[in-house]
Amino acid sequence: MKKSKWLAILVAIIMLAGIIGSLCFIIEYAHHDCCGEDCAICMEIEQAAQLISSLKIIPVLMVLPVILCAIAQIKKSVEECFISYDTLISLKVELLD
């Protein structure tokens, strides 16, 4: 495989590991003995939840260009089907004098 494919796979694995690690941390420490307002575990849980919420928008941003390309392709196909520019050359009409 090309270097860019390996890099993309590596980034995807790192992102997946970050999401799974954050979920495991939240599940593990959700019911901890909170020591008050400046609880370090509560701050870490908040950061893990923020990481998950920031990473879940990435697939949406990757799908958006695909949808826009599909819409452009459909529009082009519809225009080709319904809008025809008939000329004598496109109709292959023989002009006789």
C-alpha atoms as a PDB file:
ATOM      1  CA  MET A   1       0.000   0.000   0.000  1.00  0.00           C
ATOM      2  CA  LYS A   2       0.991   3.579  -0.432  1.00  0.00           C
ATOM      3  CA  LYS A   3       2.371   5.631   2.428  1.00  0.00           C
ATOM      4  CA  SER A   4      -0.742   7.837   2.533  1.00  0.00           C
ATOM      5  CA  LYS A   5      -3.020   4.819   2.987  1.00  0.00           C
ATOM      6  CA  TRP A   6      -0.930   3.597   5.923  1.00  0.00           C
ATOM      7  CA  LEU A   7      -1.038   7.061   7.425  1.00  0.00           C
ATOM      8  CA  ALA A   8      -4.832   7.222   7.050  1.00  0.00           C
ATOM      9  CA  ILE A   9      -5.186   3.799   8.683  1.00  0.00           C
ATOM     10  CA  LEU A  10      -2.897   4.858  11.528  1.00  0.00           C
ATOM     11  CA  VAL A  11      -4.871   8.066  12.139  1.00  0.00           C
ATOM     12  CA  ALA A  12      -8.155   6.114  12.117  1.00  0.00           C
ATOM     13  CA  ILE A  13      -6.762   3.612  14.642  1.00  0.00           C
ATOM     14  CA  ILE A  14      -5.518   6.413  16.907  1.00  0.00           C
ATOM     15  CA  MET A  15      -8.895   8.169  16.761  1.00  0.00           C
ATOM     16  CA  LEU A  16     -10.715   4.910  17.501  1.00  0.00           C
ATOM     17  CA  ALA A  17      -8.375   4.204  20.424  1.00  0.00           C
ATOM     18  CA  GLY A  18      -9.046   7.697  21.784  1.00  0.00           C
ATOM     19  CA  ILE A  19     -12.798   7.217  21.595  1.00  0.00           C
ATOM     20  CA  ILE A  20     -12.690   3.747  23.168  1.00  0.00           C
ATOM     21  CA  GLY A  21     -10.300   4.923  25.889  1.00  0.00           C
ATOM     22  CA  SER A  22     -12.515   7.886  26.708  1.00  0.00           C
ATOM     23  CA  LEU A  23     -15.609   5.700  26.858  1.00  0.00           C
ATOM     24  CA  CYS A  24     -13.871   3.190  29.139  1.00  0.00           C
ATOM     25  CA  PHE A  25     -12.694   5.988  31.437  1.00  0.00           C
ATOM     26  CA  ILE A  26     -16.176   7.501  31.650  1.00  0.00           C
ATOM     27  CA  ILE A  27     -17.748   4.113  32.368  1.00  0.00           C
ATOM     28  CA  GLU A  28     -15.116   3.217  34.974  1.00  0.00           C
ATOM     29  CA  TYR A  29     -15.234   6.463  36.942  1.00  0.00           C
ATOM     30  CA  ALA A  30     -18.849   7.543  36.459  1.00  0.00           C
ATOM     31  CA  HIS A  31     -19.749   6.614  40.051  1.00  0.00           C
ATOM     32  CA  HIS A  32     -16.654   7.728  41.935  1.00  0.00           C
ATOM     33  CA  ASP A  33     -16.408   9.396  45.326  1.00  0.00           C
ATOM     34  CA  CYS A  34     -16.441  13.023  44.293  1.00  0.00           C
ATOM     35  CA  CYS A  35     -14.360  15.274  46.546  1.00  0.00           C
ATOM     36  CA  GLY A  36     -16.130  18.482  45.640  1.00  0.00           C
ATOM     37  CA  GLU A  37     -16.040  21.314  43.169  1.00  0.00           C
ATOM     38  CA  ASP A  38     -12.427  20.892  41.986  1.00  0.00           C
ATOM     39  CA  CYS A  39     -12.548  17.099  41.608  1.00  0.00           C
ATOM     40  CA  ALA A  40      -9.787  15.921  39.265  1.00  0.00           C
ATOM     41  CA  ILE A  41     -11.768  12.868  38.150  1.00  0.00           C
ATOM     42  CA  CYS A  42     -14.785  14.995  37.256  1.00  0.00           C
ATOM     43  CA  MET A  43     -12.547  17.261  35.148  1.00  0.00           C
ATOM     44  CA  GLU A  44     -11.067  14.237  33.355  1.00  0.00           C
ATOM     45  CA  ILE A  45     -14.556  12.853  32.704  1.00  0.00           C
ATOM     46  CA  GLU A  46     -15.537  16.233  31.236  1.00  0.00           C
ATOM     47  CA  GLN A  47     -12.466  16.233  28.964  1.00  0.00           C
ATOM     48  CA  ALA A  48     -13.197  12.660  27.818  1.00  0.00           C
ATOM     49  CA  ALA A  49     -16.788  13.583  26.995  1.00  0.00           C
ATOM     50  CA  GLN A  50     -15.569  16.680  25.127  1.00  0.00           C
ATOM     51  CA  LEU A  51     -13.127  14.542  23.098  1.00  0.00           C
ATOM     52  CA  ILE A  52     -15.910  12.172  22.086  1.00  0.00           C
ATOM     53  CA  SER A  53     -18.244  15.003  21.124  1.00  0.00           C
ATOM     54  CA  SER A  54     -15.546  16.752  19.076  1.00  0.00           C
ATOM     55  CA  LEU A  55     -14.572  13.583  17.198  1.00  0.00           C
ATOM     56  CA  LYS A  56     -18.089  12.562  16.266  1.00  0.00           C
ATOM     57  CA  ILE A  57     -18.463  15.517  13.869  1.00  0.00           C
ATOM     58  CA  ILE A  58     -15.554  14.309  11.698  1.00  0.00           C
ATOM     59  CA  PRO A  59     -17.551  11.577   9.860  1.00  0.00           C
ATOM     60  CA  VAL A  60     -20.285  14.109   9.114  1.00  0.00           C
ATOM     61  CA  LEU A  61     -17.727  16.443   7.567  1.00  0.00           C
ATOM     62  CA  MET A  62     -16.337  13.596   5.475  1.00  0.00           C
ATOM     63  CA  VAL A  63     -19.746  12.571   4.141  1.00  0.00           C
ATOM     64  CA  LEU A  64     -20.780  16.119   3.201  1.00  0.00           C
ATOM     65  CA  PRO A  65     -18.535  16.389   0.088  1.00  0.00           C
ATOM     66  CA  VAL A  66     -19.738  12.974  -1.084  1.00  0.00           C
ATOM     67  CA  ILE A  67     -23.350  14.113  -0.848  1.00  0.00           C
ATOM     68  CA  LEU A  68     -22.571  17.339  -2.703  1.00  0.00           C
ATOM     69  CA  CYS A  69     -20.798  15.422  -5.488  1.00  0.00           C
ATOM     70  CA  ALA A  70     -23.742  13.034  -5.790  1.00  0.00           C
ATOM     71  CA  ILE A  71     -26.173  15.941  -6.060  1.00  0.00           C
ATOM     72  CA  ALA A  72     -24.011  17.569  -8.750  1.00  0.00           C
ATOM     73  CA  GLN A  73     -23.845  14.297 -10.692  1.00  0.00           C
ATOM     74  CA  ILE A  74     -27.621  13.795 -10.486  1.00  0.00           C
ATOM     75  CA  LYS A  75     -28.184  17.384 -11.645  1.00  0.00           C
ATOM     76  CA  LYS A  76     -25.852  16.844 -14.581  1.00  0.00           C
ATOM     77  CA  SER A  77     -27.632  13.604 -15.549  1.00  0.00           C
ATOM     78  CA  VAL A  78     -31.052  15.229 -15.363  1.00  0.00           C
ATOM     79  CA  GLU A  79     -29.900  18.128 -17.504  1.00  0.00           C
ATOM     80  CA  GLU A  80     -28.497  15.747 -20.115  1.00  0.00           C
ATOM     81  CA  CYS A  81     -31.739  13.756 -20.221  1.00  0.00           C
ATOM     82  CA  PHE A  82     -34.227  16.610 -20.401  1.00  0.00           C
ATOM     83  CA  ILE A  83     -32.289  19.390 -22.043  1.00  0.00           C
ATOM     84  CA  SER A  84     -31.154  18.404 -25.479  1.00  0.00           C
ATOM     85  CA  TYR A  85     -29.527  20.746 -27.884  1.00  0.00           C
ATOM     86  CA  ASP A  86     -30.626  19.512 -31.280  1.00  0.00           C
ATOM     87  CA  THR A  87     -28.524  20.841 -34.077  1.00  0.00           C
ATOM     88  CA  LEU A  88     -28.280  19.691 -37.645  1.00  0.00           C
ATOM     89  CA  ILE A  89     -24.924  18.100 -36.905  1.00  0.00           C
ATOM     90  CA  SER A  90     -26.174  16.263 -33.814  1.00  0.00           C
ATOM     91  CA  LEU A  91     -29.157  15.001 -35.833  1.00  0.00           C
ATOM     92  CA  LYS A  92     -26.826  14.095 -38.719  1.00  0.00           C
ATOM     93  CA  VAL A  93     -29.048  15.698 -41.277  1.00  0.00           C
ATOM     94  CA  GLU A  94     -27.766  15.659 -44.837  1.00  0.00           C
ATOM     95  CA  LEU A  95     -27.965  19.083 -46.376  1.00  0.00           C
ATOM     96  CA  LEU A  96     -28.624  18.958 -50.085  1.00  0.00           C
ATOM     97  CA  ASP A  97     -28.461  21.978 -52.311  1.00  0.00           C
END
